[in-house]
Every structure is written in structure tokens, then in C-alpha cells.
Amino acid sequence: MRVEEILKKGTAALKTAGISSPRVDAEVLLGFVLGCDRLALYREPRREVAAGEAARFEELVARRAAGEPVAYLTGEKEFMGLGFAVTPAVLIPRPETELLVETAVTLLRGAAAPVVADVGTGSGAVAVSLAVLLPAARVFAVDISTAALTVARENACRHRVADRVVFCAGDLLEPFAGNKSFFDLIVANLPYVPSGEVAKLPRPVRREPVLALDGGADGLVLYRRLVSQARPLLKPGGHLLFEIGSGQGAAALGLLPPAWEANVVQDLAERDRLVVARYRG
């Protein structure tokens, strides 16, 4: 079969399965199988696809039709212009989380040797991106999942920042208990989906680790603990940034006592997305 023919067939199968972006997903999967980008498929629509490649593509299309995320099928996801390895052990990096990284970089740009914690690092996308964009920074990446830390370490090596990213297994900031005024910045993208909403998430999202999705009764259970742990660890004037869900802004600000000055930043769709809090000390 030719590229144009197999793409048409794959797109039809995904559309029948109710996949929201059937053509794009088919192109990504075929490009992965053929070892090329999507543009190459348009340049060579009559390229012959070998029988083995066609069979591999059809297998991936079937898995995608069954609800498996594209990033898990290809083992790759782009974030902040960088390629990251992903596995079913980690949450797939989202474009909206780039706001967290961009804000952190803005706050720390020009700092001599900032020390940063990324809590719930998962694939390491945030920690590694910060290390790449802030060459003077030292980043501590924490996760309760050792499987996730294995993926994060791989990504740090891939982008040659493993010498500046320290990986810690533990629950939130507990690995640093006993330290005082240690961090210039703490960032977190913790689970914030209310428990009652997890089952209503789109089918591909439900394939991701529930540990990285379920934020408790109101979605903010882990953030309550994080705020109390962060205060003694931040230097006076240091910042805590954490991603939230749409409509959680007011409740999230309510987690912060008077020692903090904070505001909610909205994403491009004008939805609550990020809490930016400064510890007055």
C-alpha cells in the first residue's frame, strides 16, 4: 500500500472508533513507524509502505482506537520544544503546563545560582526544561513513584542536564524535611482532578496513572499539604507555583495563609491554570 492509501484507511478506523483527531493521530503513528515526520508523508504520498510496516501501523491504530494515548504508543511527547520519553508510568506532558515553566523562568532569569524543587516530577518534563532554560539552576525533582523517576532520569540524560538535576523518591517535600530556607522556587503539577470526576475524564486520559490524576475530594488535597511543607523550605521572597484546574482559582488561593501574597494566572483560554505565590518571610 502507498502512504496516502494506508493513511486513509487508518483515519477511517480511528474516526469510526470516535477518536477526536483521527487524521492527525494516523499521521503521527505512520510517521513513527516509517521513521519520518508528518511533513514527509505529504511530500511522498505515493511512497510504498512495506508489508511489515503496514502491519505495525495497523496494530498501533487498533490500540489507539481502543483508547491508548498516542504518546504511549510512540513513547515520545514534545514539551517546551524538547522531546521527552514517556511511558504508562507517567502523566503525559500537556501544553498548558508550559505556562508553569515559562513563569518560573521569568521569575528566576538573572538569578546567580537558583535552587528549585519540582514536586511530582513524573516524566521530568518540568524539571528538565527548567534545567535546560536556566543553566545556572540546580533542580531537585521529587516523585513518590520510582518508575516515574526512572523515566525522568532518562530524560535528564537525553538533554544533558543530569549533572544539575537531583532525583529524590518521596512524598511531596518530605525528602527535605528539616531544612530551612533552602529553595528559591518550588513548582508543582500535582493531581488536581476531584475524585468524583476521574471516571468522567476522556477515555485516553483514564489510561494515565490514577496516582497522577486524582486530587482527592475537591482536587486540592495534595496542595494543602504542599503549602504547609513549602513555607519553611522557601527562602524569604521565594515563590511557590502550582498548576490547578479550571474554576479552582479561588479555592486554591484560600489555601495560602497571610504570610503569602498570591494571584491566579489564566491560560490562553482564560481558564484558571496557575497559582503564583510569593512567601514574604
Protein backbone atom coordinates (compact mmCIF):
# COMPACT_ATOMS: atom_id res chain seq x y z
CA MET A 1 0.00 0.00 0.00
CA ARG A 2 1.01 3.61 -0.55
CA VAL A 3 1.22 6.25 2.18
CA GLU A 4 -1.94 8.03 1.02
CA GLU A 5 -3.89 4.75 0.97
CA ILE A 6 -2.82 3.48 4.36
CA LEU A 7 -3.42 6.89 5.93
CA LYS A 8 -6.94 6.97 4.54
CA LYS A 9 -7.62 3.51 5.95
CA GLY A 10 -6.15 4.33 9.36
CA THR A 11 -8.02 7.63 9.59
CA ALA A 12 -11.31 5.90 8.81
CA ALA A 13 -10.72 3.29 11.52
CA LEU A 14 -9.96 5.94 14.14
CA LYS A 15 -12.93 8.07 13.11
CA THR A 16 -15.24 5.05 13.45
CA ALA A 17 -13.82 4.46 16.95
CA GLY A 18 -14.74 8.01 17.95
CA ILE A 19 -11.20 9.39 18.18
CA SER A 20 -11.38 13.20 18.15
CA SER A 21 -8.36 13.78 15.88
CA PRO A 22 -8.28 10.72 13.59
CA ARG A 23 -6.21 12.15 10.73
CA VAL A 24 -3.54 13.73 12.93
CA ASP A 25 -3.24 10.60 15.07
CA ALA A 26 -2.94 8.41 11.97
CA GLU A 27 -0.21 10.66 10.58
CA VAL A 28 1.75 10.63 13.84
CA LEU A 29 1.56 6.86 14.09
CA LEU A 30 2.55 6.27 10.46
CA GLY A 31 5.42 8.74 10.76
CA PHE A 32 6.58 6.88 13.86
CA VAL A 33 6.51 3.55 12.03
CA LEU A 34 8.31 4.94 8.96
CA GLY A 35 10.80 7.00 10.97
CA CYS A 36 9.81 10.34 9.44
CA ASP A 37 7.84 13.44 10.35
CA ARG A 38 4.31 14.24 9.22
CA LEU A 39 5.53 16.67 6.56
CA ALA A 40 7.39 13.84 4.83
CA LEU A 41 4.10 11.96 4.45
CA TYR A 42 2.71 14.89 2.47
CA ARG A 43 5.85 15.16 0.37
CA GLU A 44 5.73 11.47 -0.56
CA PRO A 45 2.06 10.42 -0.64
CA ARG A 46 2.79 7.63 -3.16
CA ARG A 47 5.67 6.13 -1.18
CA GLU A 48 5.30 2.37 -0.88
CA VAL A 49 4.79 1.05 2.66
CA ALA A 50 6.34 -2.37 3.27
CA ALA A 51 4.10 -5.17 4.49
CA GLY A 52 5.78 -5.28 7.89
CA GLU A 53 5.42 -1.52 8.31
CA ALA A 54 1.76 -1.67 7.32
CA ALA A 55 1.11 -4.42 9.85
CA ARG A 56 2.83 -2.43 12.60
CA PHE A 57 0.79 0.66 11.71
CA GLU A 58 -2.47 -1.30 11.78
CA GLU A 59 -1.55 -2.68 15.21
CA LEU A 60 -0.94 0.82 16.57
CA VAL A 61 -4.17 2.12 15.02
CA ALA A 62 -6.09 -0.68 16.72
CA ARG A 63 -4.54 0.19 20.08
CA ARG A 64 -5.30 3.87 19.55
CA ALA A 65 -8.88 3.01 18.62
CA ALA A 66 -9.13 1.12 21.92
CA GLY A 67 -8.23 4.32 23.77
CA GLU A 68 -4.48 4.10 24.28
CA PRO A 69 -2.85 7.57 24.12
CA VAL A 70 -0.67 8.32 21.10
CA ALA A 71 2.25 9.35 23.32
CA TYR A 72 2.29 5.92 24.98
CA LEU A 73 2.24 4.24 21.57
CA THR A 74 5.20 6.24 20.27
CA GLY A 75 6.95 6.63 23.64
CA GLU A 76 7.51 10.31 22.93
CA LYS A 77 5.92 13.70 23.66
CA GLU A 78 7.11 17.22 22.89
CA PHE A 79 7.15 19.81 25.67
CA MET A 80 8.75 23.27 25.59
CA GLY A 81 10.20 22.37 22.18
CA LEU A 82 12.02 19.37 23.66
CA GLY A 83 11.32 15.68 23.09
CA PHE A 84 10.55 13.62 26.19
CA ALA A 85 10.33 9.88 26.65
CA VAL A 86 7.03 8.84 28.22
CA THR A 87 5.67 5.51 29.43
CA PRO A 88 2.40 4.43 31.07
CA ALA A 89 4.17 5.07 34.40
CA VAL A 90 3.95 8.85 33.92
CA LEU A 91 1.42 11.53 33.08
CA ILE A 92 1.75 12.75 29.51
CA PRO A 93 3.10 16.36 29.48
CA ARG A 94 0.44 18.90 28.45
CA PRO A 95 0.92 22.14 26.51
CA GLU A 96 -0.89 24.08 29.25
CA THR A 97 1.83 23.12 31.73
CA GLU A 98 4.30 25.14 29.67
CA LEU A 99 2.84 28.22 31.41
CA LEU A 100 4.29 26.88 34.67
CA VAL A 101 7.76 26.61 33.15
CA GLU A 102 7.58 29.97 31.38
CA THR A 103 6.54 31.73 34.60
CA ALA A 104 9.31 30.03 36.61
CA VAL A 105 11.92 31.04 34.03
CA THR A 106 10.71 34.65 34.13
CA LEU A 107 10.97 34.74 37.94
CA LEU A 108 14.46 33.24 38.04
CA ARG A 109 16.07 34.75 34.97
CA GLY A 110 19.21 36.58 36.10
CA ALA A 111 19.46 34.74 39.43
CA ALA A 112 23.04 33.71 40.19
CA ALA A 113 22.54 30.09 41.25
CA PRO A 114 18.87 29.38 41.98
CA VAL A 115 17.80 26.20 43.72
CA VAL A 116 14.49 24.76 42.51
CA ALA A 117 12.23 21.89 43.53
CA ASP A 118 9.86 20.19 41.08
CA VAL A 119 7.34 18.26 43.15
CA GLY A 120 5.60 15.36 41.43
CA THR A 121 8.08 15.42 38.57
CA GLY A 122 6.63 12.47 36.61
CA SER A 123 8.43 12.33 33.26
CA GLY A 124 10.72 15.13 34.42
CA ALA A 125 9.40 17.45 31.71
CA VAL A 126 9.22 20.48 34.02
CA ALA A 127 12.46 19.80 35.91
CA VAL A 128 14.48 19.07 32.78
CA SER A 129 13.03 22.05 30.89
CA LEU A 130 13.97 24.35 33.77
CA ALA A 131 17.49 22.94 33.86
CA VAL A 132 17.85 23.46 30.10
CA LEU A 133 16.47 27.01 30.17
CA LEU A 134 18.25 28.07 33.37
CA PRO A 135 21.86 26.86 33.03
CA ALA A 136 22.82 28.23 36.46
CA ALA A 137 20.00 26.43 38.28
CA ARG A 138 20.18 23.29 40.38
CA VAL A 139 16.92 21.36 40.29
CA PHE A 140 15.62 18.76 42.74
CA ALA A 141 12.99 16.53 41.14
CA VAL A 142 10.74 14.60 43.53
CA ASP A 143 8.20 11.86 42.91
CA ILE A 144 6.61 9.15 45.01
CA SER A 145 6.80 6.76 42.04
CA THR A 146 10.19 5.13 41.46
CA ALA A 147 9.00 4.06 37.99
CA ALA A 148 8.37 7.70 37.12
CA LEU A 149 11.81 8.69 38.41
CA THR A 150 13.39 6.15 36.06
CA VAL A 151 11.73 7.89 33.11
CA ALA A 152 12.71 11.32 34.43
CA ARG A 153 16.36 10.31 34.77
CA GLU A 154 16.34 9.09 31.17
CA ASN A 155 15.04 12.46 30.03
CA ALA A 156 17.65 14.35 32.04
CA CYS A 157 20.37 12.29 30.37
CA ARG A 158 18.80 12.80 26.96
CA HIS A 159 19.01 16.57 27.35
CA ARG A 160 22.40 16.54 29.08
CA VAL A 161 21.34 18.11 32.36
CA ALA A 162 21.68 15.04 34.59
CA ASP A 163 24.57 16.72 36.42
CA ARG A 164 22.24 19.52 37.60
CA VAL A 165 19.05 17.58 38.35
CA VAL A 166 18.91 15.60 41.59
CA PHE A 167 16.19 12.94 41.74
CA CYS A 168 14.53 12.14 45.05
CA ALA A 169 11.97 9.44 45.84
CA GLY A 170 9.45 10.64 48.38
CA ASP A 171 6.06 12.08 49.23
CA LEU A 172 5.87 15.76 48.22
CA LEU A 173 8.60 17.73 50.06
CA GLU A 174 9.22 15.17 52.81
CA PRO A 175 12.73 14.31 51.48
CA PHE A 176 13.78 17.84 52.53
CA ALA A 177 12.16 17.91 55.97
CA GLY A 178 14.42 19.59 58.48
CA ASN A 179 15.98 22.01 56.00
CA LYS A 180 15.30 25.71 56.33
CA SER A 181 15.18 28.42 53.65
CA PHE A 182 16.59 26.03 51.08
CA PHE A 183 14.71 26.76 47.82
CA ASP A 184 14.36 29.89 45.73
CA LEU A 185 11.42 28.36 43.89
CA ILE A 186 9.12 25.36 44.28
CA VAL A 187 6.98 24.25 41.35
CA ALA A 188 4.34 21.55 41.28
CA ASN A 189 1.90 19.98 38.86
CA LEU A 190 0.18 17.62 41.27
CA PRO A 191 -3.09 15.72 40.73
CA TYR A 192 -5.96 18.22 40.88
CA VAL A 193 -8.92 16.34 39.40
CA PRO A 194 -11.60 15.79 42.08
CA SER A 195 -12.03 12.09 42.81
CA GLY A 196 -15.63 12.12 41.64
CA GLU A 197 -14.60 13.49 38.25
CA VAL A 198 -11.85 10.98 37.41
CA ALA A 199 -14.27 8.43 35.93
CA LYS A 200 -15.71 11.15 33.67
CA LEU A 201 -12.37 12.02 32.06
CA PRO A 202 -11.89 11.18 28.37
CA ARG A 203 -11.02 7.54 27.76
CA PRO A 204 -7.35 8.14 26.77
CA VAL A 205 -6.76 10.27 29.89
CA ARG A 206 -8.12 7.47 32.08
CA ARG A 207 -5.30 5.29 30.71
CA GLU A 208 -2.80 7.53 32.51
CA PRO A 209 -1.73 6.77 36.11
CA VAL A 210 -4.59 7.50 38.51
CA LEU A 211 -1.92 8.49 41.04
CA ALA A 212 -1.16 11.45 38.76
CA LEU A 213 -4.81 12.44 38.26
CA ASP A 214 -6.83 12.00 41.47
CA GLY A 215 -6.56 15.07 43.66
CA GLY A 216 -8.96 13.97 46.40
CA ALA A 217 -12.47 15.15 47.23
CA ASP A 218 -12.06 18.72 45.94
CA GLY A 219 -8.92 18.21 43.86
CA LEU A 220 -6.75 20.20 46.26
CA VAL A 221 -5.87 17.65 48.95
CA LEU A 222 -2.21 17.38 47.95
CA TYR A 223 -1.84 21.12 47.54
CA ARG A 224 -2.99 21.70 51.13
CA ARG A 225 -0.12 19.54 52.30
CA LEU A 226 2.32 21.10 49.86
CA VAL A 227 1.63 24.66 51.07
CA SER A 228 2.32 23.74 54.69
CA GLN A 229 5.52 21.90 53.75
CA ALA A 230 6.77 24.63 51.40
CA ARG A 231 6.80 27.55 53.81
CA PRO A 232 9.82 26.57 55.94
CA LEU A 233 11.75 25.38 52.87
CA LEU A 234 11.42 28.58 50.85
CA LYS A 235 13.82 31.45 51.22
CA PRO A 236 12.13 34.74 52.16
CA GLY A 237 10.83 36.21 48.92
CA GLY A 238 10.84 32.76 47.27
CA HIS A 239 7.99 31.56 45.11
CA LEU A 240 5.63 28.59 45.02
CA LEU A 241 4.00 27.89 41.66
CA PHE A 242 1.39 25.20 41.18
CA GLU A 243 -0.93 24.22 38.36
CA ILE A 244 -4.68 23.98 39.03
CA GLY A 245 -7.82 23.13 37.14
CA SER A 246 -10.39 25.44 35.63
CA GLY A 247 -12.52 27.08 38.32
CA GLN A 248 -10.19 26.16 41.20
CA GLY A 249 -8.54 29.58 41.49
CA ALA A 250 -10.48 31.00 44.44
CA ALA A 251 -10.28 27.77 46.43
CA ALA A 252 -6.56 27.44 45.72
CA LEU A 253 -5.86 30.98 46.91
CA GLY A 254 -7.76 30.11 50.08
CA LEU A 255 -5.08 27.53 50.90
CA LEU A 256 -2.49 30.25 51.41
CA PRO A 257 -2.24 32.00 54.80
CA PRO A 258 -1.42 35.72 55.20
CA ALA A 259 2.34 35.12 55.02
CA TRP A 260 1.87 34.71 51.26
CA GLU A 261 0.94 37.14 48.51
CA ALA A 262 -0.59 35.27 45.61
CA ASN A 263 -2.56 35.52 42.42
CA VAL A 264 -4.08 33.22 39.82
CA VAL A 265 -2.81 33.27 36.24
CA GLN A 266 -5.17 32.18 33.47
CA ASP A 267 -4.21 30.31 30.33
CA LEU A 268 -4.88 31.41 26.74
CA ALA A 269 -8.43 30.06 27.01
CA GLU A 270 -8.98 32.34 30.03
CA ARG A 271 -9.25 29.42 32.44
CA ASP A 272 -7.65 29.30 35.90
CA ARG A 273 -4.36 27.50 35.36
CA LEU A 274 -1.58 28.61 37.70
CA VAL A 275 -1.18 29.92 41.25
CA VAL A 276 1.83 32.20 41.70
CA ALA A 277 2.58 32.69 45.40
CA ARG A 278 5.44 34.63 46.99
CA TYR A 279 6.48 33.88 50.56
CA ARG A 280 7.05 37.16 52.37
CA GLY A 281 9.11 35.54 55.11
